Amino acid sequence: EHGDHIGPLVSQMQYDKVQELIEAGIAEGARVVIGGTGRPEGFNRGYFVRPTIFADVNNSMRIAREEVFGPVLAMIPFEDEEEAIAIANDTPYGLAAYVQTSDAAKGERVARALRAGMVRINGAGLSMGHPFGGYKQSGIGREGGVFGLEDFLETKIISGLARA
């Protein structure tokens, strides 16, 4: 089918976690721009979550501090590039980060400063050959690509006299 589609979450447990985080965002004072709790209209069953955007978020809120793994965006205001990087890196997680800019040099500079295993600039996609994995508490090692393959290999060194 043509168009944009968001599938369901993986399980009831993940659905419940995302709903709890949306509720926490509301309770902590974040403003729901669109979305909110519950399923999208027309989806009475399954683990579908309403795509939700929060504004007026600060980095002390759970919606900003925890990995959501659902269609939820928390917008945090910042004054300058340095503050934006500090906010983005002020987390125990680092699976992915996203940079949106019309300035290619700024996009690359910010991407290099972000402590995340994957950084996408302006919505660029990932290739099947790219490694997948995060920094900090967002995983150990990589899967996919050459780096991911190396996780499944064992290195051995044999030293000594060679036979003639």
C-alpha atoms as a PDB file:
ATOM      1  CA  GLU A   1       0.000   0.000   0.000  1.00  0.00           C
ATOM      2  CA  HIS A   2       1.223   3.506  -0.784  1.00  0.00           C
ATOM      3  CA  GLY A   3       1.628   6.110   1.940  1.00  0.00           C
ATOM      4  CA  ASP A   4       3.035   6.325   5.418  1.00  0.00           C
ATOM      5  CA  HIS A   5       2.265   3.516   7.820  1.00  0.00           C
ATOM      6  CA  ILE A   6       3.047   2.821  11.445  1.00  0.00           C
ATOM      7  CA  GLY A   7       2.669  -0.763  12.534  1.00  0.00           C
ATOM      8  CA  PRO A   8       1.817  -2.091  15.977  1.00  0.00           C
ATOM      9  CA  LEU A   9       4.231  -2.467  18.867  1.00  0.00           C
ATOM     10  CA  VAL A  10       5.704  -5.889  19.530  1.00  0.00           C
ATOM     11  CA  SER A  11       3.717  -6.939  22.628  1.00  0.00           C
ATOM     12  CA  GLN A  12       1.132  -6.011  25.248  1.00  0.00           C
ATOM     13  CA  MET A  13       3.977  -5.334  27.675  1.00  0.00           C
ATOM     14  CA  GLN A  14       5.571  -2.779  25.312  1.00  0.00           C
ATOM     15  CA  TYR A  15       2.170  -1.226  24.545  1.00  0.00           C
ATOM     16  CA  ASP A  16       1.535  -0.801  28.278  1.00  0.00           C
ATOM     17  CA  LYS A  17       5.004   0.728  28.804  1.00  0.00           C
ATOM     18  CA  VAL A  18       4.493   3.304  26.046  1.00  0.00           C
ATOM     19  CA  GLN A  19       1.025   4.176  27.376  1.00  0.00           C
ATOM     20  CA  GLU A  20       2.526   4.619  30.860  1.00  0.00           C
ATOM     21  CA  LEU A  21       5.236   6.939  29.507  1.00  0.00           C
ATOM     22  CA  ILE A  22       2.669   9.033  27.616  1.00  0.00           C
ATOM     23  CA  GLU A  23       0.617   9.289  30.827  1.00  0.00           C
ATOM     24  CA  ALA A  24       3.769  10.254  32.767  1.00  0.00           C
ATOM     25  CA  GLY A  25       4.563  12.980  30.229  1.00  0.00           C
ATOM     26  CA  ILE A  26       1.096  14.451  30.680  1.00  0.00           C
ATOM     27  CA  ALA A  27       1.263  14.164  34.488  1.00  0.00           C
ATOM     28  CA  GLU A  28       4.693  15.869  34.570  1.00  0.00           C
ATOM     29  CA  GLY A  29       3.414  18.855  32.592  1.00  0.00           C
ATOM     30  CA  ALA A  30       4.448  18.147  29.006  1.00  0.00           C
ATOM     31  CA  ARG A  31       1.924  19.501  26.491  1.00  0.00           C
ATOM     32  CA  VAL A  32       0.415  17.014  24.032  1.00  0.00           C
ATOM     33  CA  VAL A  33       0.551  18.626  20.582  1.00  0.00           C
ATOM     34  CA  ILE A  34      -1.039  15.636  18.878  1.00  0.00           C
ATOM     35  CA  GLY A  35      -1.863  12.073  19.885  1.00  0.00           C
ATOM     36  CA  GLY A  36      -2.065  10.971  23.485  1.00  0.00           C
ATOM     37  CA  THR A  37      -3.031   7.762  25.214  1.00  0.00           C
ATOM     38  CA  GLY A  38      -5.021   4.947  23.679  1.00  0.00           C
ATOM     39  CA  ARG A  39      -5.203   3.432  20.230  1.00  0.00           C
ATOM     40  CA  PRO A  40      -5.558   5.401  16.996  1.00  0.00           C
ATOM     41  CA  GLU A  41      -9.069   5.803  15.628  1.00  0.00           C
ATOM     42  CA  GLY A  42     -10.160   2.669  13.778  1.00  0.00           C
ATOM     43  CA  PHE A  43      -7.751   0.359  15.644  1.00  0.00           C
ATOM     44  CA  ASN A  44      -9.782  -1.286  18.397  1.00  0.00           C
ATOM     45  CA  ARG A  45      -7.384  -4.167  18.924  1.00  0.00           C
ATOM     46  CA  GLY A  46      -3.702  -4.875  18.539  1.00  0.00           C
ATOM     47  CA  TYR A  47      -0.776  -2.979  19.996  1.00  0.00           C
ATOM     48  CA  PHE A  48      -1.234   0.211  17.972  1.00  0.00           C
ATOM     49  CA  VAL A  49      -0.251   3.481  19.670  1.00  0.00           C
ATOM     50  CA  ARG A  50      -1.411   6.942  18.669  1.00  0.00           C
ATOM     51  CA  PRO A  51       1.592   8.831  17.259  1.00  0.00           C
ATOM     52  CA  THR A  52       2.228  11.438  19.953  1.00  0.00           C
ATOM     53  CA  ILE A  53       4.210  14.675  19.990  1.00  0.00           C
ATOM     54  CA  PHE A  54       4.992  16.472  23.256  1.00  0.00           C
ATOM     55  CA  ALA A  55       6.076  20.116  23.633  1.00  0.00           C
ATOM     56  CA  ASP A  56       7.160  21.976  26.770  1.00  0.00           C
ATOM     57  CA  VAL A  57       9.354  19.027  27.759  1.00  0.00           C
ATOM     58  CA  ASN A  58      12.449  19.314  29.915  1.00  0.00           C
ATOM     59  CA  ASN A  59      15.173  16.740  30.375  1.00  0.00           C
ATOM     60  CA  SER A  60      14.071  15.812  33.898  1.00  0.00           C
ATOM     61  CA  MET A  61      10.789  14.305  32.623  1.00  0.00           C
ATOM     62  CA  ARG A  62      10.482  10.545  32.172  1.00  0.00           C
ATOM     63  CA  ILE A  63       9.259  11.039  28.600  1.00  0.00           C
ATOM     64  CA  ALA A  64      12.671  12.586  27.853  1.00  0.00           C
ATOM     65  CA  ARG A  65      14.832  10.305  30.029  1.00  0.00           C
ATOM     66  CA  GLU A  66      13.597   6.809  29.134  1.00  0.00           C
ATOM     67  CA  GLU A  67      13.768   4.830  25.906  1.00  0.00           C
ATOM     68  CA  VAL A  68      10.194   4.811  24.603  1.00  0.00           C
ATOM     69  CA  PHE A  69      10.373   2.419  21.611  1.00  0.00           C
ATOM     70  CA  GLY A  70       7.096   3.743  20.278  1.00  0.00           C
ATOM     71  CA  PRO A  71       5.839   6.598  18.054  1.00  0.00           C
ATOM     72  CA  VAL A  72       6.440   9.351  20.620  1.00  0.00           C
ATOM     73  CA  LEU A  73       8.469  12.548  20.145  1.00  0.00           C
ATOM     74  CA  ALA A  74       9.470  14.798  23.043  1.00  0.00           C
ATOM     75  CA  MET A  75      10.489  18.285  21.874  1.00  0.00           C
ATOM     76  CA  ILE A  76      12.907  20.052  24.228  1.00  0.00           C
ATOM     77  CA  PRO A  77      13.723  23.709  23.538  1.00  0.00           C
ATOM     78  CA  PHE A  78      17.358  24.882  23.457  1.00  0.00           C
ATOM     79  CA  GLU A  79      19.199  28.164  22.983  1.00  0.00           C
ATOM     80  CA  ASP A  80      22.160  27.102  20.850  1.00  0.00           C
ATOM     81  CA  GLU A  81      23.979  24.150  19.297  1.00  0.00           C
ATOM     82  CA  GLU A  82      26.098  23.514  22.384  1.00  0.00           C
ATOM     83  CA  GLU A  83      23.034  23.299  24.632  1.00  0.00           C
ATOM     84  CA  ALA A  84      21.216  21.041  22.145  1.00  0.00           C
ATOM     85  CA  ILE A  85      24.141  18.592  22.173  1.00  0.00           C
ATOM     86  CA  ALA A  86      24.354  18.707  25.984  1.00  0.00           C
ATOM     87  CA  ILE A  87      20.619  17.953  26.307  1.00  0.00           C
ATOM     88  CA  ALA A  88      20.795  15.105  23.787  1.00  0.00           C
ATOM     89  CA  ASN A  89      23.803  13.529  25.506  1.00  0.00           C
ATOM     90  CA  ASP A  90      22.360  13.916  29.034  1.00  0.00           C
ATOM     91  CA  THR A  91      20.912  10.418  29.121  1.00  0.00           C
ATOM     92  CA  PRO A  92      22.053   6.956  30.181  1.00  0.00           C
ATOM     93  CA  TYR A  93      20.978   5.719  26.733  1.00  0.00           C
ATOM     94  CA  GLY A  94      22.399   6.179  23.257  1.00  0.00           C
ATOM     95  CA  LEU A  95      20.801   3.922  20.663  1.00  0.00           C
ATOM     96  CA  ALA A  96      19.869   6.533  18.057  1.00  0.00           C
ATOM     97  CA  ALA A  97      19.812  10.283  17.513  1.00  0.00           C
ATOM     98  CA  TYR A  98      18.369  12.466  14.790  1.00  0.00           C
ATOM     99  CA  VAL A  99      19.526  15.825  13.442  1.00  0.00           C
ATOM    100  CA  GLN A 100      17.321  18.023  11.261  1.00  0.00           C
ATOM    101  CA  THR A 101      19.060  20.967   9.571  1.00  0.00           C
ATOM    102  CA  SER A 102      19.515  22.675   6.211  1.00  0.00           C
ATOM    103  CA  ASP A 103      23.193  23.312   7.071  1.00  0.00           C
ATOM    104  CA  ALA A 104      25.210  20.237   6.039  1.00  0.00           C
ATOM    105  CA  ALA A 105      28.321  21.268   8.000  1.00  0.00           C
ATOM    106  CA  LYS A 106      26.275  21.815  11.158  1.00  0.00           C
ATOM    107  CA  GLY A 107      24.535  18.464  10.676  1.00  0.00           C
ATOM    108  CA  GLU A 108      27.845  16.623  10.466  1.00  0.00           C
ATOM    109  CA  ARG A 109      29.348  18.561  13.386  1.00  0.00           C
ATOM    110  CA  VAL A 110      26.366  17.867  15.643  1.00  0.00           C
ATOM    111  CA  ALA A 111      26.156  14.211  14.555  1.00  0.00           C
ATOM    112  CA  ARG A 112      29.811  13.672  15.501  1.00  0.00           C
ATOM    113  CA  ALA A 113      29.206  15.192  18.953  1.00  0.00           C
ATOM    114  CA  LEU A 114      26.162  13.046  19.773  1.00  0.00           C
ATOM    115  CA  ARG A 115      26.828   9.970  21.938  1.00  0.00           C
ATOM    116  CA  ALA A 116      24.634   7.531  20.025  1.00  0.00           C
ATOM    117  CA  GLY A 117      25.377   4.399  18.061  1.00  0.00           C
ATOM    118  CA  MET A 118      23.357   5.600  15.064  1.00  0.00           C
ATOM    119  CA  VAL A 119      22.759   9.201  13.999  1.00  0.00           C
ATOM    120  CA  ARG A 120      20.496  10.084  11.087  1.00  0.00           C
ATOM    121  CA  ILE A 121      20.690  13.499   9.470  1.00  0.00           C
ATOM    122  CA  ASN A 122      17.502  14.818   7.836  1.00  0.00           C
ATOM    123  CA  GLY A 123      15.748  11.450   8.003  1.00  0.00           C
ATOM    124  CA  ALA A 124      18.346   9.512   6.022  1.00  0.00           C
ATOM    125  CA  GLY A 125      17.680   5.787   6.105  1.00  0.00           C
ATOM    126  CA  LEU A 126      19.922   2.922   7.075  1.00  0.00           C
ATOM    127  CA  SER A 127      21.362   0.386   4.677  1.00  0.00           C
ATOM    128  CA  MET A 128      21.272  -3.347   5.371  1.00  0.00           C
ATOM    129  CA  GLY A 129      25.077  -3.190   5.586  1.00  0.00           C
ATOM    130  CA  HIS A 130      25.107  -0.632   8.393  1.00  0.00           C
ATOM    131  CA  PRO A 131      25.860  -1.887  11.892  1.00  0.00           C
ATOM    132  CA  PHE A 132      23.028  -1.600  14.433  1.00  0.00           C
ATOM    133  CA  GLY A 133      23.610  -0.907  18.121  1.00  0.00           C
ATOM    134  CA  GLY A 134      23.896   1.793  20.717  1.00  0.00           C
ATOM    135  CA  TYR A 135      26.157   3.458  23.262  1.00  0.00           C
ATOM    136  CA  LYS A 136      25.922   3.467  27.043  1.00  0.00           C
ATOM    137  CA  GLN A 137      22.957   1.443  28.384  1.00  0.00           C
ATOM    138  CA  SER A 138      21.500   0.966  24.892  1.00  0.00           C
ATOM    139  CA  GLY A 139      23.293  -2.264  24.220  1.00  0.00           C
ATOM    140  CA  ILE A 140      26.652  -3.882  23.906  1.00  0.00           C
ATOM    141  CA  GLY A 141      28.221  -4.606  20.546  1.00  0.00           C
ATOM    142  CA  ARG A 142      26.739  -4.356  17.084  1.00  0.00           C
ATOM    143  CA  GLU A 143      24.753  -6.489  14.734  1.00  0.00           C
ATOM    144  CA  GLY A 144      24.758  -6.070  10.988  1.00  0.00           C
ATOM    145  CA  GLY A 145      27.672  -5.024   8.819  1.00  0.00           C
ATOM    146  CA  VAL A 146      31.297  -6.036   9.336  1.00  0.00           C
ATOM    147  CA  PHE A 147      31.250  -4.933  13.002  1.00  0.00           C
ATOM    148  CA  GLY A 148      28.224  -7.122  13.702  1.00  0.00           C
ATOM    149  CA  LEU A 149      29.797 -10.129  12.019  1.00  0.00           C
ATOM    150  CA  GLU A 150      32.862  -9.793  14.228  1.00  0.00           C
ATOM    151  CA  ASP A 151      30.705 -10.330  17.330  1.00  0.00           C
ATOM    152  CA  PHE A 152      30.008 -13.861  16.097  1.00  0.00           C
ATOM    153  CA  LEU A 153      33.648 -14.745  15.459  1.00  0.00           C
ATOM    154  CA  GLU A 154      36.317 -15.944  17.875  1.00  0.00           C
ATOM    155  CA  THR A 155      39.877 -14.763  17.560  1.00  0.00           C
ATOM    156  CA  LYS A 156      42.680 -17.226  18.210  1.00  0.00           C
ATOM    157  CA  ILE A 157      46.416 -16.792  18.195  1.00  0.00           C
ATOM    158  CA  ILE A 158      48.774 -19.759  17.972  1.00  0.00           C
ATOM    159  CA  SER A 159      52.433 -19.130  18.659  1.00  0.00           C
ATOM    160  CA  GLY A 160      55.399 -21.435  18.851  1.00  0.00           C
ATOM    161  CA  LEU A 161      57.732 -23.308  16.596  1.00  0.00           C
ATOM    162  CA  ALA A 162      56.477 -24.141  13.149  1.00  0.00           C
ATOM    163  CA  ARG A 163      56.923 -27.676  11.872  1.00  0.00           C
ATOM    164  CA  ALA A 164      59.329 -28.174   9.006  1.00  0.00           C
END
